[in-house]
C-alpha atoms as a PDB file:
ATOM      1  CA  MET A   1      -0.060  -1.914   0.237  1.00  0.00           C
ATOM      2  CA  VAL A   2       3.107  -3.918  -0.191  1.00  0.00           C
ATOM      3  CA  PRO A   3       2.400  -7.653  -0.502  1.00  0.00           C
ATOM      4  CA  GLU A   4       3.457  -9.915   2.335  1.00  0.00           C
ATOM      5  CA  ALA A   5       6.659 -11.853   1.821  1.00  0.00           C
ATOM      6  CA  GLU A   6       6.213 -15.180   0.106  1.00  0.00           C
ATOM      7  CA  GLY A   7       6.917 -18.541   1.728  1.00  0.00           C
ATOM      8  CA  PRO A   8      10.132 -20.487   2.325  1.00  0.00           C
ATOM      9  CA  SER A   9      10.605 -21.403  -1.332  1.00  0.00           C
ATOM     10  CA  THR A  10      11.132 -17.732  -2.202  1.00  0.00           C
ATOM     11  CA  VAL A  11      14.777 -17.919  -1.215  1.00  0.00           C
ATOM     12  CA  ARG A  12      15.285 -20.539  -3.915  1.00  0.00           C
ATOM     13  CA  GLN A  13      16.958 -19.618  -7.152  1.00  0.00           C
ATOM     14  CA  GLY A  14      14.200 -19.820  -9.734  1.00  0.00           C
ATOM     15  CA  SER A  15      10.996 -19.322  -7.790  1.00  0.00           C
ATOM     16  CA  PRO A  16      10.491 -15.793  -6.396  1.00  0.00           C
ATOM     17  CA  GLY A  17       7.791 -13.564  -7.803  1.00  0.00           C
ATOM     18  CA  MET A  18       8.031  -9.783  -7.923  1.00  0.00           C
ATOM     19  CA  ALA A  19       6.412  -9.516  -4.476  1.00  0.00           C
ATOM     20  CA  PHE A  20       9.496 -11.094  -2.901  1.00  0.00           C
ATOM     21  CA  PHE A  21      11.799  -8.423  -4.328  1.00  0.00           C
ATOM     22  CA  THR A  22       9.546  -5.437  -3.615  1.00  0.00           C
ATOM     23  CA  ASP A  23       9.048  -6.715  -0.076  1.00  0.00           C
ATOM     24  CA  PHE A  24      12.818  -6.882   0.426  1.00  0.00           C
ATOM     25  CA  VAL A  25      13.326  -3.325  -0.834  1.00  0.00           C
ATOM     26  CA  VAL A  26      10.526  -1.941   1.333  1.00  0.00           C
ATOM     27  CA  THR A  27      11.270  -3.856   4.542  1.00  0.00           C
ATOM     28  CA  GLY A  28      15.018  -4.512   4.302  1.00  0.00           C
ATOM     29  CA  ALA A  29      14.290  -8.071   5.439  1.00  0.00           C
ATOM     30  CA  VAL A  30      13.600 -11.561   4.121  1.00  0.00           C
ATOM     31  CA  ARG A  31      10.646 -13.006   6.026  1.00  0.00           C
ATOM     32  CA  GLY A  32      11.699 -10.952   9.060  1.00  0.00           C
ATOM     33  CA  ALA A  33      15.425 -11.730   8.857  1.00  0.00           C
ATOM     34  CA  ASP A  34      17.465  -8.562   8.492  1.00  0.00           C
ATOM     35  CA  ALA A  35      21.014  -7.330   8.976  1.00  0.00           C
ATOM     36  CA  THR A  36      20.512  -7.111  12.758  1.00  0.00           C
ATOM     37  CA  SER A  37      19.360 -10.733  13.126  1.00  0.00           C
ATOM     38  CA  THR A  38      21.573 -13.259  14.911  1.00  0.00           C
ATOM     39  CA  PRO A  39      22.462 -16.610  13.278  1.00  0.00           C
ATOM     40  CA  ALA A  40      19.947 -18.367  15.542  1.00  0.00           C
ATOM     41  CA  GLU A  41      17.211 -15.870  14.612  1.00  0.00           C
ATOM     42  CA  VAL A  42      17.935 -16.316  10.899  1.00  0.00           C
ATOM     43  CA  THR A  43      17.689 -20.102  11.269  1.00  0.00           C
ATOM     44  CA  GLY A  44      14.343 -19.690  13.007  1.00  0.00           C
ATOM     45  CA  LEU A  45      13.029 -17.454  10.222  1.00  0.00           C
ATOM     46  CA  LEU A  46      14.581 -18.972   7.090  1.00  0.00           C
ATOM     47  CA  GLY A  47      15.251 -22.559   8.158  1.00  0.00           C
ATOM     48  CA  ASP A  48      18.391 -24.672   8.192  1.00  0.00           C
ATOM     49  CA  ALA A  49      18.751 -25.379   4.444  1.00  0.00           C
ATOM     50  CA  PHE A  50      21.839 -23.203   4.046  1.00  0.00           C
ATOM     51  CA  VAL A  51      25.504 -23.471   3.173  1.00  0.00           C
ATOM     52  CA  GLU A  52      27.777 -21.873   5.744  1.00  0.00           C
ATOM     53  CA  SER A  53      31.332 -20.664   5.256  1.00  0.00           C
ATOM     54  CA  ARG A  54      33.970 -18.541   6.969  1.00  0.00           C
ATOM     55  CA  THR A  55      34.880 -15.664   4.660  1.00  0.00           C
ATOM     56  CA  GLY A  56      37.764 -14.353   6.750  1.00  0.00           C
ATOM     57  CA  PRO A  57      39.008 -14.065  10.314  1.00  0.00           C
ATOM     58  CA  GLY A  58      35.980 -13.655  12.523  1.00  0.00           C
ATOM     59  CA  GLN A  59      33.476 -13.537   9.651  1.00  0.00           C
ATOM     60  CA  LEU A  60      30.603 -15.893   8.866  1.00  0.00           C
ATOM     61  CA  LEU A  61      28.509 -16.188   5.687  1.00  0.00           C
ATOM     62  CA  ARG A  62      25.329 -18.198   5.137  1.00  0.00           C
ATOM     63  CA  SER A  63      23.873 -18.788   1.704  1.00  0.00           C
ATOM     64  CA  TYR A  64      20.222 -19.693   1.112  1.00  0.00           C
ATOM     65  CA  GLU A  65      20.811 -19.886  -2.636  1.00  0.00           C
ATOM     66  CA  LEU A  66      19.527 -16.403  -3.563  1.00  0.00           C
ATOM     67  CA  VAL A  67      19.853 -14.910  -0.084  1.00  0.00           C
ATOM     68  CA  GLU A  68      23.165 -14.415   1.717  1.00  0.00           C
ATOM     69  CA  VAL A  69      23.533 -13.259   5.315  1.00  0.00           C
ATOM     70  CA  ALA A  70      26.879 -12.197   6.807  1.00  0.00           C
ATOM     71  CA  TRP A  71      28.139 -11.575  10.335  1.00  0.00           C
ATOM     72  CA  GLU A  72      31.368 -10.658  12.084  1.00  0.00           C
ATOM     73  CA  ARG A  73      32.559 -11.912  15.450  1.00  0.00           C
ATOM     74  CA  GLU A  74      31.816  -9.580  18.366  1.00  0.00           C
ATOM     75  CA  GLY A  75      32.886 -10.871  21.768  1.00  0.00           C
ATOM     76  CA  ASP A  76      31.206 -14.229  22.297  1.00  0.00           C
ATOM     77  CA  GLY A  77      28.546 -13.599  19.656  1.00  0.00           C
ATOM     78  CA  TRP A  78      28.018 -12.404  16.106  1.00  0.00           C
ATOM     79  CA  ARG A  79      27.143  -8.941  14.822  1.00  0.00           C
ATOM     80  CA  GLY A  80      25.206  -8.685  11.558  1.00  0.00           C
ATOM     81  CA  LEU A  81      26.953  -7.143   8.556  1.00  0.00           C
ATOM     82  CA  TYR A  82      24.515  -7.403   5.645  1.00  0.00           C
ATOM     83  CA  VAL A  83      21.783  -9.326   3.864  1.00  0.00           C
ATOM     84  CA  THR A  84      22.114  -9.643   0.097  1.00  0.00           C
ATOM     85  CA  VAL A  85      19.709 -11.022  -2.502  1.00  0.00           C
ATOM     86  CA  GLN A  86      21.920 -12.279  -5.340  1.00  0.00           C
ATOM     87  CA  ALA A  87      19.462 -11.578  -8.147  1.00  0.00           C
ATOM     88  CA  HIS A  88      22.044 -12.397 -10.846  1.00  0.00           C
ATOM     89  CA  ARG A  89      21.511 -16.073  -9.927  1.00  0.00           C
ATOM     90  CA  LEU A  90      17.881 -16.024 -11.065  1.00  0.00           C
ATOM     91  CA  ASP A  91      16.876 -18.351 -13.898  1.00  0.00           C
ATOM     92  CA  VAL A  92      14.877 -15.485 -15.407  1.00  0.00           C
ATOM     93  CA  PRO A  93      16.549 -12.038 -15.144  1.00  0.00           C
ATOM     94  CA  LEU A  94      14.838  -9.413 -13.013  1.00  0.00           C
ATOM     95  CA  SER A  95      14.421  -6.069 -14.800  1.00  0.00           C
ATOM     96  CA  VAL A  96      15.279  -3.016 -12.718  1.00  0.00           C
ATOM     97  CA  ASP A  97      12.663  -1.019 -14.645  1.00  0.00           C
ATOM     98  CA  ALA A  98       9.970  -3.544 -13.729  1.00  0.00           C
ATOM     99  CA  LEU A  99      11.105  -3.553 -10.096  1.00  0.00           C
ATOM    100  CA  ALA A 100      11.149   0.272  -9.972  1.00  0.00           C
ATOM    101  CA  ALA A 101       7.673   0.466 -11.530  1.00  0.00           C
ATOM    102  CA  ASP A 102       6.267  -2.012  -9.012  1.00  0.00           C
ATOM    103  CA  LEU A 103       7.777  -0.060  -6.129  1.00  0.00           C
ATOM    104  CA  GLU A 104       6.451   3.209  -7.566  1.00  0.00           C
ATOM    105  CA  ARG A 105       2.927   1.744  -7.662  1.00  0.00           C
ATOM    106  CA  ALA A 106       3.293   0.591  -4.048  1.00  0.00           C
ATOM    107  CA  GLY A 107       4.361   4.095  -2.985  1.00  0.00           C
ATOM    108  CA  PHE A 108       7.991   3.241  -2.203  1.00  0.00           C
ATOM    109  CA  PRO A 109       9.955   4.514  -5.235  1.00  0.00           C
ATOM    110  CA  LEU A 110      13.644   3.832  -5.742  1.00  0.00           C
ATOM    111  CA  VAL A 111      16.108   6.714  -6.110  1.00  0.00           C
ATOM    112  CA  GLU A 112      18.911   6.373  -8.638  1.00  0.00           C
ATOM    113  CA  VAL A 113      22.319   7.610  -7.528  1.00  0.00           C
ATOM    114  CA  ALA A 114      25.525   8.188  -9.478  1.00  0.00           C
ATOM    115  CA  PRO A 115      26.661   5.156 -11.529  1.00  0.00           C
ATOM    116  CA  ASP A 116      29.672   3.252 -10.251  1.00  0.00           C
ATOM    117  CA  GLY A 117      31.755   3.943 -13.361  1.00  0.00           C
ATOM    118  CA  VAL A 118      32.276   0.285 -14.220  1.00  0.00           C
ATOM    119  CA  GLY A 119      29.034  -0.499 -16.004  1.00  0.00           C
ATOM    120  CA  CYS A 120      26.460  -0.591 -13.194  1.00  0.00           C
ATOM    121  CA  ARG A 121      23.528   1.593 -12.209  1.00  0.00           C
ATOM    122  CA  ARG A 122      22.875   2.106  -8.496  1.00  0.00           C
ATOM    123  CA  PHE A 123      19.546   2.664  -6.773  1.00  0.00           C
ATOM    124  CA  VAL A 124      18.588   3.038  -3.134  1.00  0.00           C
ATOM    125  CA  ARG A 125      15.568   3.111  -0.901  1.00  0.00           C
ATOM    126  CA  ALA A 126      16.915   5.360   1.851  1.00  0.00           C
ATOM    127  CA  ASP A 127      14.448   4.552   4.647  1.00  0.00           C
ATOM    128  CA  SER A 128      14.933   0.778   4.434  1.00  0.00           C
ATOM    129  CA  ARG A 129      18.628   1.301   3.556  1.00  0.00           C
ATOM    130  CA  VAL A 130      18.393  -1.165   0.664  1.00  0.00           C
ATOM    131  CA  ALA A 131      20.705  -0.750  -2.330  1.00  0.00           C
ATOM    132  CA  VAL A 132      19.963  -2.155  -5.787  1.00  0.00           C
ATOM    133  CA  LEU A 133      22.725  -2.754  -8.321  1.00  0.00           C
ATOM    134  CA  ALA A 134      21.788  -3.227 -11.991  1.00  0.00           C
ATOM    135  CA  ASP A 135      23.711  -3.863 -15.200  1.00  0.00           C
ATOM    136  CA  GLU A 136      23.912  -0.617 -17.160  1.00  0.00           C
ATOM    137  CA  GLU A 137      23.422  -2.239 -20.573  1.00  0.00           C
ATOM    138  CA  SER A 138      20.881  -5.005 -19.937  1.00  0.00           C
ATOM    139  CA  GLY A 139      18.968  -3.417 -17.040  1.00  0.00           C
ATOM    140  CA  GLN A 140      19.187  -6.708 -15.134  1.00  0.00           C
ATOM    141  CA  VAL A 141      19.208  -6.472 -11.350  1.00  0.00           C
ATOM    142  CA  LEU A 142      22.460  -8.008 -10.134  1.00  0.00           C
ATOM    143  CA  ALA A 143      22.131  -7.715  -6.366  1.00  0.00           C
ATOM    144  CA  MET A 144      20.109  -6.064  -3.603  1.00  0.00           C
ATOM    145  CA  THR A 145      21.801  -5.373  -0.269  1.00  0.00           C
ATOM    146  CA  VAL A 146      20.945  -3.988   3.155  1.00  0.00           C
ATOM    147  CA  PRO A 147      22.371  -1.849   4.675  1.00  0.00           C
ATOM    148  CA  ALA A 148      23.292   0.173   1.609  1.00  0.00           C
ATOM    149  CA  TRP A 149      26.920   1.177   1.149  1.00  0.00           C
ATOM    150  CA  PHE A 150      25.904   4.124  -1.022  1.00  0.00           C
ATOM    151  CA  ALA A 151      23.225   6.740  -0.485  1.00  0.00           C
ATOM    152  CA  PRO A 152      21.102   9.302  -2.336  1.00  0.00           C
ATOM    153  CA  GLY A 153      22.015  12.967  -2.459  1.00  0.00           C
ATOM    154  CA  PRO A 154      25.469  14.367  -1.693  1.00  0.00           C
ATOM    155  CA  ARG A 155      26.682  11.123  -0.145  1.00  0.00           C
ATOM    156  CA  GLY A 156      26.088   9.214  -3.364  1.00  0.00           C
ATOM    157  CA  GLU A 157      27.675  11.665  -5.777  1.00  0.00           C
ATOM    158  CA  PRO A 158      31.329  11.731  -6.884  1.00  0.00           C
ATOM    159  CA  SER A 159      33.344  14.358  -5.047  1.00  0.00           C
ATOM    160  CA  PRO A 160      34.806  17.167  -7.163  1.00  0.00           C
ATOM    161  CA  TRP A 161      37.561  17.573  -4.550  1.00  0.00           C
ATOM    162  CA  SER A 162      40.577  15.341  -4.099  1.00  0.00           C
ATOM    163  CA  ARG A 163      41.007  13.117  -1.053  1.00  0.00           C
ATOM    164  CA  GLU A 164      44.304  14.773  -0.203  1.00  0.00           C
ATOM    165  CA  ALA A 165      42.678  18.223  -0.354  1.00  0.00           C
ATOM    166  CA  GLY A 166      40.091  17.037   2.167  1.00  0.00           C
ATOM    167  CA  ARG A 167      42.741  15.736   4.511  1.00  0.00           C
ATOM    168  CA  ASP A 168      44.705  18.969   4.291  1.00  0.00           C
ATOM    169  CA  GLN A 169      41.615  21.032   5.068  1.00  0.00           C
ATOM    170  CA  VAL A 170      40.654  18.859   8.039  1.00  0.00           C
ATOM    171  CA  ARG A 171      44.182  18.972   9.481  1.00  0.00           C
ATOM    172  CA  HIS A 172      44.001  22.760   9.229  1.00  0.00           C
ATOM    173  CA  LEU A 173      40.538  22.923  10.818  1.00  0.00           C
ATOM    174  CA  VAL A 174      41.526  20.813  13.814  1.00  0.00           C
ATOM    175  CA  GLY A 175      44.046  23.434  14.853  1.00  0.00           C
ATOM    176  CA  LEU A 176      41.617  26.369  14.733  1.00  0.00           C
ATOM    177  CA  GLY A 177      39.592  27.988  17.491  1.00  0.00           C
ATOM    178  CA  ALA A 178      35.845  28.466  17.072  1.00  0.00           C
ATOM    179  CA  ALA A 179      36.058  32.030  15.716  1.00  0.00           C
ATOM    180  CA  GLU A 180      38.870  31.172  13.297  1.00  0.00           C
ATOM    181  CA  ARG A 181      36.984  28.100  12.159  1.00  0.00           C
ATOM    182  CA  ASP A 182      33.810  30.069  11.453  1.00  0.00           C
ATOM    183  CA  ALA A 183      35.804  32.617   9.450  1.00  0.00           C
ATOM    184  CA  TRP A 184      37.468  29.809   7.492  1.00  0.00           C
ATOM    185  CA  VAL A 185      34.055  28.324   6.672  1.00  0.00           C
ATOM    186  CA  ARG A 186      32.714  31.668   5.451  1.00  0.00           C
ATOM    187  CA  ARG A 187      35.621  31.905   3.020  1.00  0.00           C
ATOM    188  CA  ARG A 188      35.508  28.306   1.820  1.00  0.00           C
ATOM    189  CA  GLN A 189      31.920  27.043   1.911  1.00  0.00           C
ATOM    190  CA  PRO A 190      30.316  26.809  -1.565  1.00  0.00           C
ATOM    191  CA  GLY A 191      27.420  29.178  -2.106  1.00  0.00           C
ATOM    192  CA  GLU A 192      25.056  26.720  -3.783  1.00  0.00           C
ATOM    193  CA  VAL A 193      23.043  24.627  -1.281  1.00  0.00           C
ATOM    194  CA  ASP A 194      23.575  21.184  -2.811  1.00  0.00           C
ATOM    195  CA  GLU A 195      27.266  21.804  -3.396  1.00  0.00           C
ATOM    196  CA  ALA A 196      27.669  23.049   0.192  1.00  0.00           C
ATOM    197  CA  ALA A 197      26.000  19.877   1.495  1.00  0.00           C
ATOM    198  CA  ARG A 198      28.358  17.750  -0.586  1.00  0.00           C
ATOM    199  CA  TRP A 199      31.315  19.786   0.704  1.00  0.00           C
ATOM    200  CA  TRP A 200      30.375  19.203   4.362  1.00  0.00           C
ATOM    201  CA  TRP A 201      30.025  15.469   3.746  1.00  0.00           C
ATOM    202  CA  PHE A 202      33.407  15.453   1.965  1.00  0.00           C
ATOM    203  CA  LEU A 203      35.029  17.067   5.016  1.00  0.00           C
ATOM    204  CA  TRP A 204      33.386  14.628   7.429  1.00  0.00           C
ATOM    205  CA  VAL A 205      34.587  11.624   5.402  1.00  0.00           C
ATOM    206  CA  ALA A 206      38.123  13.061   5.429  1.00  0.00           C
ATOM    207  CA  CYS A 207      37.900  13.677   9.174  1.00  0.00           C
ATOM    208  CA  ARG A 208      36.723  10.190  10.105  1.00  0.00           C
ATOM    209  CA  GLN A 209      39.555   8.688   8.061  1.00  0.00           C
ATOM    210  CA  LEU A 210      42.039  10.714  10.106  1.00  0.00           C
ATOM    211  CA  LEU A 211      40.568  10.242  13.581  1.00  0.00           C
ATOM    212  CA  PRO A 212      43.266   8.910  15.914  1.00  0.00           C
ATOM    213  CA  ASP A 213      42.697   5.802  17.990  1.00  0.00           C
ATOM    214  CA  GLU A 214      41.925   6.212  21.661  1.00  0.00           C
ATOM    215  CA  GLY A 215      44.916   7.641  23.497  1.00  0.00           C
ATOM    216  CA  GLU A 216      46.769   8.418  20.247  1.00  0.00           C
ATOM    217  CA  ARG A 217      47.970  11.845  19.175  1.00  0.00           C
ATOM    218  CA  ARG A 218      47.873  12.841  15.521  1.00  0.00           C
ATOM    219  CA  PHE A 219      49.591  15.801  13.864  1.00  0.00           C
ATOM    220  CA  GLY A 220      50.363  17.316  17.270  1.00  0.00           C
ATOM    221  CA  HIS A 221      46.765  17.253  18.546  1.00  0.00           C
ATOM    222  CA  ASP A 222      45.168  15.188  21.312  1.00  0.00           C
ATOM    223  CA  ARG A 223      42.271  12.940  20.391  1.00  0.00           C
ATOM    224  CA  SER A 224      39.931  15.232  22.345  1.00  0.00           C
ATOM    225  CA  VAL A 225      40.658  18.045  19.868  1.00  0.00           C
ATOM    226  CA  TRP A 226      39.821  15.717  16.975  1.00  0.00           C
ATOM    227  CA  GLU A 227      36.644  14.589  18.728  1.00  0.00           C
ATOM    228  CA  GLU A 228      35.495  18.185  19.150  1.00  0.00           C
ATOM    229  CA  SER A 229      36.153  18.907  15.467  1.00  0.00           C
ATOM    230  CA  ALA A 230      34.424  15.701  14.398  1.00  0.00           C
ATOM    231  CA  LEU A 231      31.314  16.552  16.437  1.00  0.00           C
ATOM    232  CA  TRP A 232      31.283  20.018  14.900  1.00  0.00           C
ATOM    233  CA  LEU A 233      31.499  18.558  11.375  1.00  0.00           C
ATOM    234  CA  LEU A 234      28.719  16.083  12.080  1.00  0.00           C
ATOM    235  CA  GLY A 235      26.540  18.940  13.327  1.00  0.00           C
ATOM    236  CA  ALA A 236      27.270  20.863  10.135  1.00  0.00           C
ATOM    237  CA  CYS A 237      26.363  17.814   8.013  1.00  0.00           C
ATOM    238  CA  GLU A 238      23.098  17.474   9.913  1.00  0.00           C
ATOM    239  CA  ALA A 239      22.321  21.179   9.502  1.00  0.00           C
ATOM    240  CA  ALA A 240      23.044  20.909   5.761  1.00  0.00           C
ATOM    241  CA  GLY A 241      20.611  17.997   5.445  1.00  0.00           C
ATOM    242  CA  VAL A 242      23.234  15.452   4.413  1.00  0.00           C
ATOM    243  CA  ILE A 243      22.384  13.215   7.364  1.00  0.00           C
ATOM    244  CA  ASP A 244      19.551  13.088   9.860  1.00  0.00           C
ATOM    245  CA  ARG A 245      19.776  12.907  13.643  1.00  0.00           C
ATOM    246  CA  THR A 246      19.779   9.112  13.669  1.00  0.00           C
ATOM    247  CA  ASP A 247      22.711   8.991  11.247  1.00  0.00           C
ATOM    248  CA  ALA A 248      24.617  11.630  13.227  1.00  0.00           C
ATOM    249  CA  VAL A 249      24.253   9.856  16.562  1.00  0.00           C
ATOM    250  CA  CYS A 250      25.135   6.477  15.059  1.00  0.00           C
ATOM    251  CA  GLU A 251      28.323   8.040  13.642  1.00  0.00           C
ATOM    252  CA  ILE A 252      29.100   9.480  17.088  1.00  0.00           C
ATOM    253  CA  VAL A 253      28.868   5.991  18.573  1.00  0.00           C
ATOM    254  CA  ARG A 254      30.753   4.327  15.731  1.00  0.00           C
ATOM    255  CA  TYR A 255      33.751   6.631  16.070  1.00  0.00           C
ATOM    256  CA  GLY A 256      33.681   6.962  19.860  1.00  0.00           C
ATOM    257  CA  LEU A 257      33.252  10.733  19.906  1.00  0.00           C
ATOM    258  CA  LEU A 258      31.543  10.910  23.309  1.00  0.00           C
ATOM    259  CA  GLU A 259      31.952   9.137  26.628  1.00  0.00           C
ATOM    260  CA  PRO A 260      29.762   5.977  26.811  1.00  0.00           C
ATOM    261  CA  ASP A 261      27.120   7.356  29.203  1.00  0.00           C
ATOM    262  CA  THR A 262      26.857  10.587  27.201  1.00  0.00           C
ATOM    263  CA  ALA A 263      26.693   8.730  23.892  1.00  0.00           C
ATOM    264  CA  VAL A 264      23.977   6.372  25.161  1.00  0.00           C
ATOM    265  CA  ARG A 265      21.983   9.328  26.455  1.00  0.00           C
ATOM    266  CA  ALA A 266      22.288  10.912  22.985  1.00  0.00           C
ATOM    267  CA  CYS A 267      20.993   7.684  21.403  1.00  0.00           C
ATOM    268  CA  LEU A 268      17.973   7.553  23.709  1.00  0.00           C
ATOM    269  CA  ASP A 269      17.242  11.267  23.284  1.00  0.00           C
ATOM    270  CA  ALA A 270      17.288  10.831  19.496  1.00  0.00           C
ATOM    271  CA  ILE A 271      14.711   8.026  19.462  1.00  0.00           C
ATOM    272  CA  PRO A 272      11.665   9.791  17.978  1.00  0.00           C
ATOM    273  CA  VAL A 273       8.972   7.656  19.626  1.00  0.00           C
ATOM    274  CA  SER A 274       8.244   6.102  23.008  1.00  0.00           C
ATOM    275  CA  ARG A 275       8.386   2.370  23.672  1.00  0.00           C
ATOM    276  CA  ALA A 276       4.650   2.428  24.314  1.00  0.00           C
ATOM    277  CA  ASP A 277       3.892   3.991  20.930  1.00  0.00           C
ATOM    278  CA  VAL A 278       6.554   2.506  18.658  1.00  0.00           C
ATOM    279  CA  ALA A 279       5.333   0.671  15.551  1.00  0.00           C
ATOM    280  CA  THR A 280       6.109  -3.034  15.396  1.00  0.00           C
ATOM    281  CA  ARG A 281       5.957  -5.689  12.685  1.00  0.00           C
ATOM    282  CA  GLU A 282       2.794  -7.060  14.313  1.00  0.00           C
ATOM    283  CA  SER A 283       1.001  -3.731  14.735  1.00  0.00           C
ATOM    284  CA  THR A 284       1.836  -1.777  11.586  1.00  0.00           C
ATOM    285  CA  PRO A 285       1.808  -2.824   7.911  1.00  0.00           C
ATOM    286  CA  TYR A 286       4.546  -1.547   5.604  1.00  0.00           C
ATOM    287  CA  ALA A 287       2.278   0.857   3.742  1.00  0.00           C
ATOM    288  CA  ARG A 288       2.689   4.354   2.366  1.00  0.00           C
ATOM    289  CA  GLU A 289       0.263   5.829   4.904  1.00  0.00           C
ATOM    290  CA  ASN A 290       2.310   4.330   7.762  1.00  0.00           C
ATOM    291  CA  LEU A 291       5.701   5.518   6.543  1.00  0.00           C
ATOM    292  CA  VAL A 292       6.280   8.048   9.360  1.00  0.00           C
ATOM    293  CA  ALA A 293       5.570   5.405  12.014  1.00  0.00           C
ATOM    294  CA  VAL A 294       7.627   2.779  10.181  1.00  0.00           C
ATOM    295  CA  ASN A 295      10.620   5.092   9.909  1.00  0.00           C
ATOM    296  CA  ALA A 296      10.369   6.101  13.573  1.00  0.00           C
ATOM    297  CA  SER A 297      10.485   2.410  14.449  1.00  0.00           C
ATOM    298  CA  ARG A 298      13.516   1.941  12.183  1.00  0.00           C
ATOM    299  CA  ALA A 299      15.276   4.861  13.859  1.00  0.00           C
ATOM    300  CA  ALA A 300      14.478   3.409  17.292  1.00  0.00           C
ATOM    301  CA  LYS A 301      15.986   0.098  16.227  1.00  0.00           C
ATOM    302  CA  ARG A 302      19.218   1.591  14.890  1.00  0.00           C
ATOM    303  CA  LEU A 303      19.688   3.867  17.881  1.00  0.00           C
ATOM    304  CA  SER A 304      18.953   1.219  20.502  1.00  0.00           C
ATOM    305  CA  ILE A 305      21.381  -1.198  18.824  1.00  0.00           C
ATOM    306  CA  ALA A 306      24.039   1.536  18.726  1.00  0.00           C
ATOM    307  CA  ALA A 307      23.441   2.210  22.423  1.00  0.00           C
ATOM    308  CA  GLY A 308      23.564  -1.511  23.142  1.00  0.00           C
ATOM    309  CA  GLU A 309      27.101  -1.722  21.780  1.00  0.00           C
ATOM    310  CA  LEU A 310      28.193   0.607  24.593  1.00  0.00           C
ATOM    311  CA  LEU A 311      26.359  -1.100  27.462  1.00  0.00           C
ATOM    312  CA  PRO A 312      29.421  -2.876  28.934  1.00  0.00           C
ATOM    313  CA  ARG A 313      31.006   0.550  29.482  1.00  0.00           C
ATOM    314  CA  VAL A 314      27.924   2.413  30.781  1.00  0.00           C
ATOM    315  CA  GLY A 315      27.834   3.239  34.488  1.00  0.00           C
ATOM    316  CA  ASP A 316      24.353   4.764  34.929  1.00  0.00           C
ATOM    317  CA  PRO A 317      21.891   1.979  35.932  1.00  0.00           C
ATOM    318  CA  ALA A 318      18.901   3.922  34.603  1.00  0.00           C
ATOM    319  CA  LEU A 319      20.508   4.242  31.166  1.00  0.00           C
ATOM    320  CA  ARG A 320      21.377   0.556  31.149  1.00  0.00           C
ATOM    321  CA  ALA A 321      17.800  -0.405  32.043  1.00  0.00           C
ATOM    322  CA  GLU A 322      16.267   1.819  29.356  1.00  0.00           C
ATOM    323  CA  VAL A 323      18.578   0.471  26.648  1.00  0.00           C
ATOM    324  CA  ALA A 324      17.878  -3.114  27.756  1.00  0.00           C
ATOM    325  CA  ALA A 325      14.122  -2.449  27.522  1.00  0.00           C
ATOM    326  CA  TRP A 326      14.528  -1.166  23.955  1.00  0.00           C
ATOM    327  CA  LEU A 327      16.701  -4.121  22.986  1.00  0.00           C
ATOM    328  CA  GLU A 328      13.976  -6.505  24.143  1.00  0.00           C
ATOM    329  CA  LEU A 329      11.851  -4.983  21.358  1.00  0.00           C
ATOM    330  CA  ARG A 330      14.578  -5.291  18.691  1.00  0.00           C
ATOM    331  CA  THR A 331      13.193  -8.272  16.756  1.00  0.00           C
ATOM    332  CA  ARG A 332       9.736  -6.683  16.644  1.00  0.00           C
ATOM    333  CA  LEU A 333      10.823  -3.285  15.369  1.00  0.00           C
ATOM    334  CA  MET A 334      10.520  -2.450  11.682  1.00  0.00           C
END
């Protein structure tokens, strides 16, 4: 069983015990405040003893000494960007080995991914989407952030292929019909499973960097042709195990690959649990034996938030009502 988060003083620089850090890695939250929380919700959970600053046009940062929460402007409100625990500010350094051992005992082990090449080790807890950055020489934890900007497996490994090669391949693929595309894949796809997964992810990253804006043509192709190719690549990434269904649908929404009603329907169809049965913070402890239920709740939260971003453009009243019902549960989901 993971210990409950400690009290308000745990966001202070010198005071947290190990339970504070393991709780953050397991839950992706500080006393319930996570990267989806609004400024008002964070104030209600962490209090008003913060320093606030504007870090750029339309961006807001709050610092609770160790804990930083960031948002970006979205319409009349704020959309959460990340929560970071700045462990390098601790009076007594936090050892990544000690943190990893504590998480292992709790049943929530960290996974180390490829180093960043500039003297840091990188770890991730994929289900909570928390990243841990540690100094390569001293083993001191420098920072812990949610959502992670790196991932385990093929997504977290350096690509053996050049960025330009990926762009060239994607430009070629976009112009092919289905039969030609399948033949191209048979010739090009690496034979080894892990390398093939990395290759599919490499192509998707190249594709999303090239996607034209709405109404724009690129390299002689309409956006609809790019959207079809992008959906095909996402399906291949999912089939290769690089991403799961939640990741795939969230990418579809992020890059506008489907019409709003269709995209929202995909979000709702991908939610792996009903509203009646979904695990909540009140009903379900963050424990190893509850991991399936916890992760289903996390998926429901991500997918309902993704669907919520499209609500102003959704025409179907039934879809709007179902998304609104899920969003009412947002602060209670894991």
